[in-house]
Amino acid sequence: MLMRRSLAARVAVLSALPGMGFAQATGSFEAFVVGMRREAQAAGVSAAILNRAFAGIRPNERVLELDRRQAEFTVSWEAYRDGRLSAARIDAGRRAYAENRGLLAQVQARTRVSARVVMGIWGLETNYGGFSGNFSVVEALATLAWEGRRAAFFRAELLAALRILDAGHITPERMKGSHAGAMGQPQFMPSSFERFAMDFDGDGRRDIWDNRADALGSIGHYLARNGWREGEAWGFEVVLPANFDRALAEPSRPRPAAEWPGLDQWARMGVRRADGGALGAGPGGIILPANQERGFQAFMALPNFHAIRRYNPSNFYALTVGMLGERVTA
C-alpha cells in the first residue's frame, strides 16, 4: 500500500504505473474520505460504523494495477477454458457437490434455478468458497472511487457497502473481497448484494462470506431475478457444417433470444449436437468463442445463456460456467 504523504508525491508514484491515469484524482484521498463520510452519514449510516469502516484506509496500489486487467478479454479461448476447467477444480467441485447436495436441492426448489449452474458459478467465482478475496472492500472501493476513472460507479458501490455494514450483515473487518469490491462466495458487488443477496437460512443476516446457505441461495436468487428459465439448459456444444457462414454466429454481445432462429432452422442448415443428440425446440444462437488458437469449437446458446451473462457479460465466462456445472454434477 501507499504511505500517507502529500498528494503530489502520491500522484508521482502512482502515475509511474502503466496506464494509471491519476490525473483524474483531483483532491487528496483524505479529503475524499471526509466527503464520503459526510455523504454516508447524511444517508443514515451511523458514525460508529463509519469510524470502523474508514479506520486506517489508504489508496491501494495493487487495486489500481489489477483494475486494468480483464482476463476474459486478453487471453485465448483455450487458455481461459483449460485454466478454469482443470482436473483439480473439477475434482474439488465434485466433492463440494456431494457435500452440499441437500442444500443445493433446497436452493433449486426455492429459486427454480438449476443446481448445475449454481455450482458452475460458485466454482468459477471462488473455487467453491475456497478463496473469495482478501482486499478490504471499503478500501478497494474508496481507492477506485477516488482515482476517478469510474468514480461515479465506485462511489455508489462504496455507499452501498457502508449501508450493508450499517445493517449488520457483516463487520468491517470481515468485509473482504476482490480488488474491485466483489464480495463473498458469490462475488457480489455491494449494489448486487442489496438487490439479490438472500437470508436463505432465516437467521436475520445475509452472510454471503461464511454462510454457505446464504451464498448458494443468493446465486440462485440472482439468476432467477435475471431471467433464468426453469427446466431449461444453458446450451451445448455443436458441430457446424463445413460450409457454415460464420456471419450467422452471434456477435461478442449476443442478440436477445427473441431474435434468434429456431433450433429447427439450425438443424436444416446441418448444425448438430456434438454429443449426437437432437437440437430440440425453441430459439438458439451460435456462439463462436473469440481468439481460438487450436481447432474450432462452437456452441448453441439457449435463452438461459443470457441469464449467466448477466452475472458476468463475457461469453468465455458463460460458456465455462455451463461446462463446469455439468462436469461437477455429472
C-alpha atoms as a PDB file:
ATOM      1  CA  MET A   1       0.000   0.000   0.000  1.00  0.00           C
ATOM      2  CA  LEU A   2       0.957   3.606  -0.407  1.00  0.00           C
ATOM      3  CA  MET A   3       2.253   5.535   2.558  1.00  0.00           C
ATOM      4  CA  ARG A   4       0.449   8.700   3.666  1.00  0.00           C
ATOM      5  CA  ARG A   5       2.192  11.600   2.005  1.00  0.00           C
ATOM      6  CA  SER A   6       1.388  14.752   0.061  1.00  0.00           C
ATOM      7  CA  LEU A   7      -0.920  14.464  -2.931  1.00  0.00           C
ATOM      8  CA  ALA A   8       1.891  15.414  -5.296  1.00  0.00           C
ATOM      9  CA  ALA A   9       4.091  12.583  -4.047  1.00  0.00           C
ATOM     10  CA  ARG A  10       1.266  10.045  -4.257  1.00  0.00           C
ATOM     11  CA  VAL A  11       0.385  11.047  -7.792  1.00  0.00           C
ATOM     12  CA  ALA A  12       4.033  10.837  -8.860  1.00  0.00           C
ATOM     13  CA  VAL A  13       4.378   7.313  -7.503  1.00  0.00           C
ATOM     14  CA  LEU A  14       1.093   6.009  -8.886  1.00  0.00           C
ATOM     15  CA  SER A  15       1.374   7.726 -12.256  1.00  0.00           C
ATOM     16  CA  ALA A  16       4.577   5.759 -12.849  1.00  0.00           C
ATOM     17  CA  LEU A  17       2.465   2.603 -13.040  1.00  0.00           C
ATOM     18  CA  PRO A  18       1.415   1.751 -16.634  1.00  0.00           C
ATOM     19  CA  GLY A  19      -1.956   3.235 -17.545  1.00  0.00           C
ATOM     20  CA  MET A  20      -2.796   4.574 -14.108  1.00  0.00           C
ATOM     21  CA  GLY A  21      -4.308   7.829 -15.365  1.00  0.00           C
ATOM     22  CA  PHE A  22      -4.134   9.568 -11.984  1.00  0.00           C
ATOM     23  CA  ALA A  23      -4.791  12.966 -13.483  1.00  0.00           C
ATOM     24  CA  GLN A  24      -8.444  12.390 -12.652  1.00  0.00           C
ATOM     25  CA  ALA A  25      -7.771  12.188  -8.878  1.00  0.00           C
ATOM     26  CA  THR A  26      -8.126  15.908  -8.270  1.00  0.00           C
ATOM     27  CA  GLY A  27      -8.027  16.036  -4.466  1.00  0.00           C
ATOM     28  CA  SER A  28      -6.321  14.289  -1.606  1.00  0.00           C
ATOM     29  CA  PHE A  29      -7.511  10.866  -0.541  1.00  0.00           C
ATOM     30  CA  GLU A  30      -8.043  12.186   2.978  1.00  0.00           C
ATOM     31  CA  ALA A  31     -10.399  14.898   1.642  1.00  0.00           C
ATOM     32  CA  PHE A  32     -12.238  12.284  -0.413  1.00  0.00           C
ATOM     33  CA  VAL A  33     -12.808  10.142   2.691  1.00  0.00           C
ATOM     34  CA  VAL A  34     -14.096  13.143   4.639  1.00  0.00           C
ATOM     35  CA  GLY A  35     -16.592  13.825   1.860  1.00  0.00           C
ATOM     36  CA  MET A  36     -17.691  10.200   1.746  1.00  0.00           C
ATOM     37  CA  ARG A  37     -18.210  10.149   5.499  1.00  0.00           C
ATOM     38  CA  ARG A  38     -20.467  13.192   5.263  1.00  0.00           C
ATOM     39  CA  GLU A  39     -22.450  11.697   2.390  1.00  0.00           C
ATOM     40  CA  ALA A  40     -22.873   8.327   4.111  1.00  0.00           C
ATOM     41  CA  GLN A  41     -23.850   9.888   7.435  1.00  0.00           C
ATOM     42  CA  ALA A  42     -26.441  12.047   5.665  1.00  0.00           C
ATOM     43  CA  ALA A  43     -27.822   8.819   4.166  1.00  0.00           C
ATOM     44  CA  GLY A  44     -28.248   7.358   7.647  1.00  0.00           C
ATOM     45  CA  VAL A  45     -25.067   5.335   8.177  1.00  0.00           C
ATOM     46  CA  SER A  46     -24.008   5.549  11.797  1.00  0.00           C
ATOM     47  CA  ALA A  47     -20.869   7.403  12.874  1.00  0.00           C
ATOM     48  CA  ALA A  48     -19.709   4.313  14.763  1.00  0.00           C
ATOM     49  CA  ILE A  49     -19.777   2.176  11.604  1.00  0.00           C
ATOM     50  CA  LEU A  50     -18.052   4.897   9.592  1.00  0.00           C
ATOM     51  CA  ASN A  51     -15.289   5.161  12.169  1.00  0.00           C
ATOM     52  CA  ARG A  52     -14.638   1.427  11.945  1.00  0.00           C
ATOM     53  CA  ALA A  53     -15.022   1.213   8.174  1.00  0.00           C
ATOM     54  CA  PHE A  54     -12.612   4.050   7.382  1.00  0.00           C
ATOM     55  CA  ALA A  55     -10.085   3.386  10.136  1.00  0.00           C
ATOM     56  CA  GLY A  56      -6.588   3.307   8.631  1.00  0.00           C
ATOM     57  CA  ILE A  57      -7.597   3.031   4.965  1.00  0.00           C
ATOM     58  CA  ARG A  58      -5.212   4.257   2.283  1.00  0.00           C
ATOM     59  CA  PRO A  59      -5.113   4.276  -1.530  1.00  0.00           C
ATOM     60  CA  ASN A  60      -4.220   0.720  -2.524  1.00  0.00           C
ATOM     61  CA  GLU A  61      -1.683   0.495  -5.340  1.00  0.00           C
ATOM     62  CA  ARG A  62      -2.381  -3.184  -6.035  1.00  0.00           C
ATOM     63  CA  VAL A  63      -6.091  -2.440  -6.528  1.00  0.00           C
ATOM     64  CA  LEU A  64      -5.239   0.034  -9.266  1.00  0.00           C
ATOM     65  CA  GLU A  65      -2.862  -2.359 -11.014  1.00  0.00           C
ATOM     66  CA  LEU A  66      -5.458  -5.132 -11.093  1.00  0.00           C
ATOM     67  CA  ASP A  67      -8.230  -2.792 -12.213  1.00  0.00           C
ATOM     68  CA  ARG A  68      -6.542  -2.541 -15.618  1.00  0.00           C
ATOM     69  CA  ARG A  69      -6.569  -6.299 -16.259  1.00  0.00           C
ATOM     70  CA  GLN A  70      -9.539  -8.243 -17.664  1.00  0.00           C
ATOM     71  CA  ALA A  71      -8.549 -11.849 -18.342  1.00  0.00           C
ATOM     72  CA  GLU A  72     -11.760 -12.674 -20.226  1.00  0.00           C
ATOM     73  CA  PHE A  73     -10.759 -10.261 -22.979  1.00  0.00           C
ATOM     74  CA  THR A  74      -6.987 -10.698 -23.193  1.00  0.00           C
ATOM     75  CA  VAL A  75      -6.375 -14.468 -23.355  1.00  0.00           C
ATOM     76  CA  SER A  76      -7.236 -17.108 -25.905  1.00  0.00           C
ATOM     77  CA  TRP A  77     -10.390 -19.171 -25.512  1.00  0.00           C
ATOM     78  CA  GLU A  78      -8.350 -22.336 -24.955  1.00  0.00           C
ATOM     79  CA  ALA A  79      -6.209 -20.770 -22.229  1.00  0.00           C
ATOM     80  CA  TYR A  80      -9.243 -19.357 -20.453  1.00  0.00           C
ATOM     81  CA  ARG A  81     -11.256 -22.590 -20.720  1.00  0.00           C
ATOM     82  CA  ASP A  82      -8.492 -25.014 -19.805  1.00  0.00           C
ATOM     83  CA  GLY A  83      -7.268 -22.922 -16.894  1.00  0.00           C
ATOM     84  CA  ARG A  84     -10.719 -22.945 -15.315  1.00  0.00           C
ATOM     85  CA  LEU A  85     -11.762 -26.486 -16.238  1.00  0.00           C
ATOM     86  CA  SER A  86      -8.700 -28.050 -14.650  1.00  0.00           C
ATOM     87  CA  ALA A  87      -8.864 -31.545 -13.182  1.00  0.00           C
ATOM     88  CA  ALA A  88      -8.246 -30.073  -9.728  1.00  0.00           C
ATOM     89  CA  ARG A  89     -11.201 -27.679  -9.993  1.00  0.00           C
ATOM     90  CA  ILE A  90     -13.492 -30.380 -11.330  1.00  0.00           C
ATOM     91  CA  ASP A  91     -12.468 -32.843  -8.603  1.00  0.00           C
ATOM     92  CA  ALA A  92     -12.982 -30.184  -5.923  1.00  0.00           C
ATOM     93  CA  GLY A  93     -16.360 -29.397  -7.442  1.00  0.00           C
ATOM     94  CA  ARG A  94     -17.485 -32.983  -7.340  1.00  0.00           C
ATOM     95  CA  ARG A  95     -16.585 -33.159  -3.661  1.00  0.00           C
ATOM     96  CA  ALA A  96     -18.362 -29.868  -2.952  1.00  0.00           C
ATOM     97  CA  TYR A  97     -21.437 -31.062  -4.833  1.00  0.00           C
ATOM     98  CA  ALA A  98     -21.551 -34.309  -2.874  1.00  0.00           C
ATOM     99  CA  GLU A  99     -21.186 -32.449   0.437  1.00  0.00           C
ATOM    100  CA  ASN A 100     -23.865 -29.882  -0.398  1.00  0.00           C
ATOM    101  CA  ARG A 101     -26.312 -31.868  -2.484  1.00  0.00           C
ATOM    102  CA  GLY A 102     -29.151 -31.469   0.008  1.00  0.00           C
ATOM    103  CA  LEU A 103     -28.635 -27.718   0.311  1.00  0.00           C
ATOM    104  CA  LEU A 104     -28.416 -27.332  -3.460  1.00  0.00           C
ATOM    105  CA  ALA A 105     -31.692 -29.210  -3.839  1.00  0.00           C
ATOM    106  CA  GLN A 106     -33.289 -26.720  -1.442  1.00  0.00           C
ATOM    107  CA  VAL A 107     -31.834 -23.800  -3.394  1.00  0.00           C
ATOM    108  CA  GLN A 108     -33.146 -25.248  -6.639  1.00  0.00           C
ATOM    109  CA  ALA A 109     -36.591 -25.841  -5.133  1.00  0.00           C
ATOM    110  CA  ARG A 110     -36.858 -22.297  -3.765  1.00  0.00           C
ATOM    111  CA  THR A 111     -35.292 -20.310  -6.613  1.00  0.00           C
ATOM    112  CA  ARG A 112     -36.205 -22.594  -9.543  1.00  0.00           C
ATOM    113  CA  VAL A 113     -32.615 -22.372 -10.766  1.00  0.00           C
ATOM    114  CA  SER A 114     -30.632 -25.479 -11.667  1.00  0.00           C
ATOM    115  CA  ALA A 115     -28.093 -26.668  -9.111  1.00  0.00           C
ATOM    116  CA  ARG A 116     -25.766 -27.251 -12.055  1.00  0.00           C
ATOM    117  CA  VAL A 117     -25.428 -23.573 -12.912  1.00  0.00           C
ATOM    118  CA  VAL A 118     -25.223 -22.599  -9.225  1.00  0.00           C
ATOM    119  CA  MET A 119     -22.268 -24.985  -8.899  1.00  0.00           C
ATOM    120  CA  GLY A 120     -20.684 -23.601 -12.061  1.00  0.00           C
ATOM    121  CA  ILE A 121     -20.800 -20.018 -10.812  1.00  0.00           C
ATOM    122  CA  TRP A 122     -19.708 -20.936  -7.280  1.00  0.00           C
ATOM    123  CA  GLY A 123     -16.768 -22.887  -8.666  1.00  0.00           C
ATOM    124  CA  LEU A 124     -15.664 -20.278 -11.159  1.00  0.00           C
ATOM    125  CA  GLU A 125     -16.064 -17.280  -8.866  1.00  0.00           C
ATOM    126  CA  THR A 126     -14.392 -18.551  -5.692  1.00  0.00           C
ATOM    127  CA  ASN A 127     -13.412 -22.201  -6.199  1.00  0.00           C
ATOM    128  CA  TYR A 128     -16.464 -23.322  -4.171  1.00  0.00           C
ATOM    129  CA  GLY A 129     -15.875 -20.742  -1.470  1.00  0.00           C
ATOM    130  CA  GLY A 130     -12.194 -21.594  -1.160  1.00  0.00           C
ATOM    131  CA  PHE A 131     -10.993 -18.072  -1.918  1.00  0.00           C
ATOM    132  CA  SER A 132     -13.237 -15.017  -2.069  1.00  0.00           C
ATOM    133  CA  GLY A 133     -10.596 -12.291  -1.914  1.00  0.00           C
ATOM    134  CA  ASN A 134      -8.534 -10.664   0.813  1.00  0.00           C
ATOM    135  CA  PHE A 135      -8.892  -6.983  -0.032  1.00  0.00           C
ATOM    136  CA  SER A 136     -10.764  -4.699   2.327  1.00  0.00           C
ATOM    137  CA  VAL A 137     -13.898  -3.917   0.301  1.00  0.00           C
ATOM    138  CA  VAL A 138     -14.174  -0.419   1.744  1.00  0.00           C
ATOM    139  CA  GLU A 139     -10.532   0.387   0.996  1.00  0.00           C
ATOM    140  CA  ALA A 140     -10.680  -1.072  -2.529  1.00  0.00           C
ATOM    141  CA  LEU A 141     -13.848   0.812  -3.428  1.00  0.00           C
ATOM    142  CA  ALA A 142     -12.592   4.030  -1.874  1.00  0.00           C
ATOM    143  CA  THR A 143      -9.369   3.748  -3.887  1.00  0.00           C
ATOM    144  CA  LEU A 144     -11.236   3.269  -7.149  1.00  0.00           C
ATOM    145  CA  ALA A 145     -13.801   5.986  -6.409  1.00  0.00           C
ATOM    146  CA  TRP A 146     -11.027   8.452  -5.568  1.00  0.00           C
ATOM    147  CA  GLU A 147      -8.869   7.556  -8.572  1.00  0.00           C
ATOM    148  CA  GLY A 148     -11.636   8.804 -10.826  1.00  0.00           C
ATOM    149  CA  ARG A 149     -11.664   6.579 -13.933  1.00  0.00           C
ATOM    150  CA  ARG A 150     -15.094   5.201 -12.936  1.00  0.00           C
ATOM    151  CA  ALA A 151     -15.646   7.411  -9.941  1.00  0.00           C
ATOM    152  CA  ALA A 152     -19.453   7.571 -10.033  1.00  0.00           C
ATOM    153  CA  PHE A 153     -19.822   3.798 -10.236  1.00  0.00           C
ATOM    154  CA  PHE A 154     -17.421   3.016  -7.419  1.00  0.00           C
ATOM    155  CA  ARG A 155     -18.702   5.848  -5.229  1.00  0.00           C
ATOM    156  CA  ALA A 156     -22.205   4.344  -5.448  1.00  0.00           C
ATOM    157  CA  GLU A 157     -20.802   0.895  -4.640  1.00  0.00           C
ATOM    158  CA  LEU A 158     -18.921   2.297  -1.641  1.00  0.00           C
ATOM    159  CA  LEU A 159     -22.100   3.857  -0.278  1.00  0.00           C
ATOM    160  CA  ALA A 160     -23.889   0.526  -0.744  1.00  0.00           C
ATOM    161  CA  ALA A 161     -21.084  -1.261   1.136  1.00  0.00           C
ATOM    162  CA  LEU A 162     -21.434   1.180   4.012  1.00  0.00           C
ATOM    163  CA  ARG A 163     -25.190   0.582   4.140  1.00  0.00           C
ATOM    164  CA  ILE A 164     -24.575  -3.182   4.280  1.00  0.00           C
ATOM    165  CA  LEU A 165     -22.220  -2.693   7.220  1.00  0.00           C
ATOM    166  CA  ASP A 166     -24.716  -0.443   8.970  1.00  0.00           C
ATOM    167  CA  ALA A 167     -27.434  -3.094   8.554  1.00  0.00           C
ATOM    168  CA  GLY A 168     -25.259  -5.575  10.445  1.00  0.00           C
ATOM    169  CA  HIS A 169     -24.907  -8.253   7.766  1.00  0.00           C
ATOM    170  CA  ILE A 170     -21.105  -8.294   8.174  1.00  0.00           C
ATOM    171  CA  THR A 171     -18.468  -6.420  10.165  1.00  0.00           C
ATOM    172  CA  PRO A 172     -15.999  -4.010   8.528  1.00  0.00           C
ATOM    173  CA  GLU A 173     -13.136  -6.326   9.472  1.00  0.00           C
ATOM    174  CA  ARG A 174     -14.735  -9.310   7.736  1.00  0.00           C
ATOM    175  CA  MET A 175     -15.984  -7.450   4.666  1.00  0.00           C
ATOM    176  CA  LYS A 176     -13.336  -8.822   2.324  1.00  0.00           C
ATOM    177  CA  GLY A 177     -13.472  -9.293  -1.406  1.00  0.00           C
ATOM    178  CA  SER A 178     -11.768  -8.788  -4.728  1.00  0.00           C
ATOM    179  CA  HIS A 179      -9.708  -5.797  -5.809  1.00  0.00           C
ATOM    180  CA  ALA A 180     -12.855  -4.369  -7.461  1.00  0.00           C
ATOM    181  CA  GLY A 181     -15.069  -4.807  -4.396  1.00  0.00           C
ATOM    182  CA  ALA A 182     -16.815  -8.061  -5.373  1.00  0.00           C
ATOM    183  CA  MET A 183     -17.707  -9.777  -2.121  1.00  0.00           C
ATOM    184  CA  GLY A 184     -18.063 -13.196  -0.588  1.00  0.00           C
ATOM    185  CA  GLN A 185     -18.549 -16.602  -2.150  1.00  0.00           C
ATOM    186  CA  PRO A 186     -20.854 -15.322  -4.943  1.00  0.00           C
ATOM    187  CA  GLN A 187     -18.594 -12.275  -5.600  1.00  0.00           C
ATOM    188  CA  PHE A 188     -21.460  -9.781  -5.486  1.00  0.00           C
ATOM    189  CA  MET A 189     -20.796  -6.096  -5.833  1.00  0.00           C
ATOM    190  CA  PRO A 190     -22.432  -4.232  -2.922  1.00  0.00           C
ATOM    191  CA  SER A 191     -25.321  -2.994  -5.079  1.00  0.00           C
ATOM    192  CA  SER A 192     -25.970  -6.567  -6.230  1.00  0.00           C
ATOM    193  CA  PHE A 193     -25.882  -7.682  -2.606  1.00  0.00           C
ATOM    194  CA  GLU A 194     -28.602  -5.180  -1.769  1.00  0.00           C
ATOM    195  CA  ARG A 195     -30.804  -6.424  -4.622  1.00  0.00           C
ATOM    196  CA  PHE A 196     -30.136 -10.151  -4.709  1.00  0.00           C
ATOM    197  CA  ALA A 197     -28.485 -11.496  -1.551  1.00  0.00           C
ATOM    198  CA  MET A 198     -30.737 -13.897   0.410  1.00  0.00           C
ATOM    199  CA  ASP A 199     -31.056 -14.720   4.068  1.00  0.00           C
ATOM    200  CA  PHE A 200     -31.583 -18.311   2.987  1.00  0.00           C
ATOM    201  CA  ASP A 201     -31.397 -19.865   6.453  1.00  0.00           C
ATOM    202  CA  GLY A 202     -33.571 -17.215   8.121  1.00  0.00           C
ATOM    203  CA  ASP A 203     -31.102 -16.091  10.806  1.00  0.00           C
ATOM    204  CA  GLY A 204     -31.719 -12.394  10.110  1.00  0.00           C
ATOM    205  CA  ARG A 205     -28.473 -11.716   8.243  1.00  0.00           C
ATOM    206  CA  ARG A 206     -27.439 -12.114   4.635  1.00  0.00           C
ATOM    207  CA  ASP A 207     -23.964 -13.570   5.123  1.00  0.00           C
ATOM    208  CA  ILE A 208     -22.503 -14.462   1.715  1.00  0.00           C
ATOM    209  CA  TRP A 209     -18.997 -14.718   3.206  1.00  0.00           C
ATOM    210  CA  ASP A 210     -19.219 -17.584   5.685  1.00  0.00           C
ATOM    211  CA  ASN A 211     -22.799 -18.884   5.461  1.00  0.00           C
ATOM    212  CA  ARG A 212     -22.966 -21.412   2.629  1.00  0.00           C
ATOM    213  CA  ALA A 213     -26.766 -21.478   2.552  1.00  0.00           C
ATOM    214  CA  ASP A 214     -26.936 -17.716   2.098  1.00  0.00           C
ATOM    215  CA  ALA A 215     -24.152 -17.792  -0.509  1.00  0.00           C
ATOM    216  CA  LEU A 216     -25.659 -20.505  -2.709  1.00  0.00           C
ATOM    217  CA  GLY A 217     -29.195 -19.229  -2.242  1.00  0.00           C
ATOM    218  CA  SER A 218     -28.041 -15.785  -3.319  1.00  0.00           C
ATOM    219  CA  ILE A 219     -26.510 -17.149  -6.538  1.00  0.00           C
ATOM    220  CA  GLY A 220     -29.782 -18.876  -7.347  1.00  0.00           C
ATOM    221  CA  HIS A 221     -31.792 -15.763  -6.498  1.00  0.00           C
ATOM    222  CA  TYR A 222     -29.596 -13.594  -8.717  1.00  0.00           C
ATOM    223  CA  LEU A 223     -30.150 -15.871 -11.719  1.00  0.00           C
ATOM    224  CA  ALA A 224     -33.868 -16.213 -11.003  1.00  0.00           C
ATOM    225  CA  ARG A 225     -34.265 -12.441 -10.959  1.00  0.00           C
ATOM    226  CA  ASN A 226     -32.278 -12.140 -14.186  1.00  0.00           C
ATOM    227  CA  GLY A 227     -34.306 -14.368 -16.445  1.00  0.00           C
ATOM    228  CA  TRP A 228     -33.358 -17.984 -15.692  1.00  0.00           C
ATOM    229  CA  ARG A 229     -35.926 -20.340 -17.249  1.00  0.00           C
ATOM    230  CA  GLU A 230     -36.698 -23.316 -15.039  1.00  0.00           C
ATOM    231  CA  GLY A 231     -36.118 -26.732 -16.532  1.00  0.00           C
ATOM    232  CA  GLU A 232     -34.046 -25.482 -19.467  1.00  0.00           C
ATOM    233  CA  ALA A 233     -30.316 -25.819 -20.155  1.00  0.00           C
ATOM    234  CA  TRP A 234     -27.865 -23.007 -20.864  1.00  0.00           C
ATOM    235  CA  GLY A 235     -26.719 -24.500 -24.181  1.00  0.00           C
ATOM    236  CA  PHE A 236     -24.469 -27.220 -25.584  1.00  0.00           C
ATOM    237  CA  GLU A 237     -21.520 -27.797 -27.898  1.00  0.00           C
ATOM    238  CA  VAL A 238     -22.332 -28.214 -31.576  1.00  0.00           C
ATOM    239  CA  VAL A 239     -20.627 -29.289 -34.785  1.00  0.00           C
ATOM    240  CA  LEU A 240     -21.125 -26.947 -37.714  1.00  0.00           C
ATOM    241  CA  PRO A 241     -21.323 -27.979 -41.373  1.00  0.00           C
ATOM    242  CA  ALA A 242     -18.211 -27.401 -43.465  1.00  0.00           C
ATOM    243  CA  ASN A 243     -19.860 -24.585 -45.424  1.00  0.00           C
ATOM    244  CA  PHE A 244     -21.246 -22.744 -42.378  1.00  0.00           C
ATOM    245  CA  ASP A 245     -21.348 -18.980 -42.801  1.00  0.00           C
ATOM    246  CA  ARG A 246     -19.692 -17.608 -39.680  1.00  0.00           C
ATOM    247  CA  ALA A 247     -21.516 -14.328 -40.141  1.00  0.00           C
ATOM    248  CA  LEU A 248     -24.601 -16.174 -38.835  1.00  0.00           C
ATOM    249  CA  ALA A 249     -22.960 -16.592 -35.416  1.00  0.00           C
ATOM    250  CA  GLU A 250     -23.705 -14.188 -32.604  1.00  0.00           C
ATOM    251  CA  PRO A 251     -21.525 -11.116 -32.056  1.00  0.00           C
ATOM    252  CA  SER A 252     -19.500 -10.712 -28.876  1.00  0.00           C
ATOM    253  CA  ARG A 253     -22.626  -9.257 -27.299  1.00  0.00           C
ATOM    254  CA  PRO A 254     -25.297 -11.776 -28.341  1.00  0.00           C
ATOM    255  CA  ARG A 255     -28.678 -10.614 -29.572  1.00  0.00           C
ATOM    256  CA  PRO A 256     -31.780 -11.145 -27.384  1.00  0.00           C
ATOM    257  CA  ALA A 257     -33.058 -14.715 -27.519  1.00  0.00           C
ATOM    258  CA  ALA A 258     -36.282 -13.500 -29.148  1.00  0.00           C
ATOM    259  CA  GLU A 259     -34.212 -12.591 -32.213  1.00  0.00           C
ATOM    260  CA  TRP A 260     -32.514 -15.976 -32.532  1.00  0.00           C
ATOM    261  CA  PRO A 261     -33.522 -18.516 -35.196  1.00  0.00           C
ATOM    262  CA  GLY A 262     -35.329 -21.650 -34.136  1.00  0.00           C
ATOM    263  CA  LEU A 263     -33.304 -24.782 -33.432  1.00  0.00           C
ATOM    264  CA  ASP A 264     -35.197 -26.486 -36.245  1.00  0.00           C
ATOM    265  CA  GLN A 265     -33.747 -23.912 -38.651  1.00  0.00           C
ATOM    266  CA  TRP A 266     -30.239 -24.649 -37.448  1.00  0.00           C
ATOM    267  CA  ALA A 267     -30.872 -28.370 -37.875  1.00  0.00           C
ATOM    268  CA  ARG A 268     -31.927 -27.820 -41.502  1.00  0.00           C
ATOM    269  CA  MET A 269     -28.622 -25.991 -42.065  1.00  0.00           C
ATOM    270  CA  GLY A 270     -26.740 -29.072 -40.891  1.00  0.00           C
ATOM    271  CA  VAL A 271     -25.864 -27.972 -37.359  1.00  0.00           C
ATOM    272  CA  ARG A 272     -25.800 -30.935 -34.971  1.00  0.00           C
ATOM    273  CA  ARG A 273     -25.064 -31.546 -31.310  1.00  0.00           C
ATOM    274  CA  ALA A 274     -21.515 -32.664 -30.559  1.00  0.00           C
ATOM    275  CA  ASP A 275     -22.894 -35.479 -28.372  1.00  0.00           C
ATOM    276  CA  GLY A 276     -25.133 -36.751 -31.188  1.00  0.00           C
ATOM    277  CA  GLY A 277     -28.434 -35.745 -29.594  1.00  0.00           C
ATOM    278  CA  ALA A 278     -31.247 -33.780 -31.171  1.00  0.00           C
ATOM    279  CA  LEU A 279     -31.073 -30.000 -31.161  1.00  0.00           C
ATOM    280  CA  GLY A 280     -34.567 -29.743 -29.701  1.00  0.00           C
ATOM    281  CA  ALA A 281     -37.044 -26.889 -29.987  1.00  0.00           C
ATOM    282  CA  GLY A 282     -37.052 -23.180 -29.226  1.00  0.00           C
ATOM    283  CA  PRO A 283     -34.641 -20.374 -30.132  1.00  0.00           C
ATOM    284  CA  GLY A 284     -30.868 -20.694 -30.187  1.00  0.00           C
ATOM    285  CA  GLY A 285     -27.812 -18.683 -31.145  1.00  0.00           C
ATOM    286  CA  ILE A 286     -24.427 -19.926 -32.362  1.00  0.00           C
ATOM    287  CA  ILE A 287     -21.506 -18.826 -30.181  1.00  0.00           C
ATOM    288  CA  LEU A 288     -18.008 -18.987 -31.648  1.00  0.00           C
ATOM    289  CA  PRO A 289     -15.569 -18.121 -28.834  1.00  0.00           C
ATOM    290  CA  ALA A 290     -13.108 -15.441 -29.908  1.00  0.00           C
ATOM    291  CA  ASN A 291      -9.324 -15.904 -30.011  1.00  0.00           C
ATOM    292  CA  GLN A 292      -9.338 -19.619 -30.744  1.00  0.00           C
ATOM    293  CA  GLU A 293      -5.814 -20.914 -31.281  1.00  0.00           C
ATOM    294  CA  ARG A 294      -6.309 -24.665 -31.748  1.00  0.00           C
ATOM    295  CA  GLY A 295      -9.022 -26.421 -33.702  1.00  0.00           C
ATOM    296  CA  PHE A 296     -12.508 -24.971 -33.797  1.00  0.00           C
ATOM    297  CA  GLN A 297     -15.185 -25.092 -31.093  1.00  0.00           C
ATOM    298  CA  ALA A 298     -18.784 -23.894 -31.436  1.00  0.00           C
ATOM    299  CA  PHE A 299     -21.761 -23.792 -29.079  1.00  0.00           C
ATOM    300  CA  MET A 300     -25.507 -23.403 -29.271  1.00  0.00           C
ATOM    301  CA  ALA A 301     -26.651 -20.842 -26.719  1.00  0.00           C
ATOM    302  CA  LEU A 302     -30.165 -21.173 -25.298  1.00  0.00           C
ATOM    303  CA  PRO A 303     -32.071 -18.352 -23.533  1.00  0.00           C
ATOM    304  CA  ASN A 304     -30.514 -19.209 -20.139  1.00  0.00           C
ATOM    305  CA  PHE A 305     -27.130 -18.266 -21.585  1.00  0.00           C
ATOM    306  CA  HIS A 306     -28.227 -14.648 -21.231  1.00  0.00           C
ATOM    307  CA  ALA A 307     -29.008 -15.128 -17.530  1.00  0.00           C
ATOM    308  CA  ILE A 308     -25.436 -16.318 -16.917  1.00  0.00           C
ATOM    309  CA  ARG A 309     -24.061 -13.374 -18.903  1.00  0.00           C
ATOM    310  CA  ARG A 310     -25.909 -11.009 -16.590  1.00  0.00           C
ATOM    311  CA  TYR A 311     -23.691 -12.354 -13.821  1.00  0.00           C
ATOM    312  CA  ASN A 312     -20.631 -11.570 -15.953  1.00  0.00           C
ATOM    313  CA  PRO A 313     -21.036 -10.199 -19.521  1.00  0.00           C
ATOM    314  CA  SER A 314     -18.421 -12.437 -21.112  1.00  0.00           C
ATOM    315  CA  ASN A 315     -19.085 -15.305 -23.491  1.00  0.00           C
ATOM    316  CA  PHE A 316     -15.955 -17.027 -22.172  1.00  0.00           C
ATOM    317  CA  TYR A 317     -17.371 -16.829 -18.649  1.00  0.00           C
ATOM    318  CA  ALA A 318     -20.867 -18.025 -19.513  1.00  0.00           C
ATOM    319  CA  LEU A 319     -19.635 -20.967 -21.576  1.00  0.00           C
ATOM    320  CA  THR A 320     -17.206 -22.064 -18.878  1.00  0.00           C
ATOM    321  CA  VAL A 321     -19.816 -21.766 -16.117  1.00  0.00           C
ATOM    322  CA  GLY A 322     -22.097 -24.034 -18.112  1.00  0.00           C
ATOM    323  CA  MET A 323     -19.437 -26.645 -18.804  1.00  0.00           C
ATOM    324  CA  LEU A 324     -18.066 -26.623 -15.265  1.00  0.00           C
ATOM    325  CA  GLY A 325     -21.513 -27.058 -13.727  1.00  0.00           C
ATOM    326  CA  GLU A 326     -22.229 -30.018 -15.979  1.00  0.00           C
ATOM    327  CA  ARG A 327     -18.937 -31.741 -15.228  1.00  0.00           C
ATOM    328  CA  VAL A 328     -19.061 -31.441 -11.454  1.00  0.00           C
ATOM    329  CA  THR A 329     -22.695 -32.587 -11.205  1.00  0.00           C
ATOM    330  CA  ALA A 330     -22.476 -35.438 -13.725  1.00  0.00           C
END
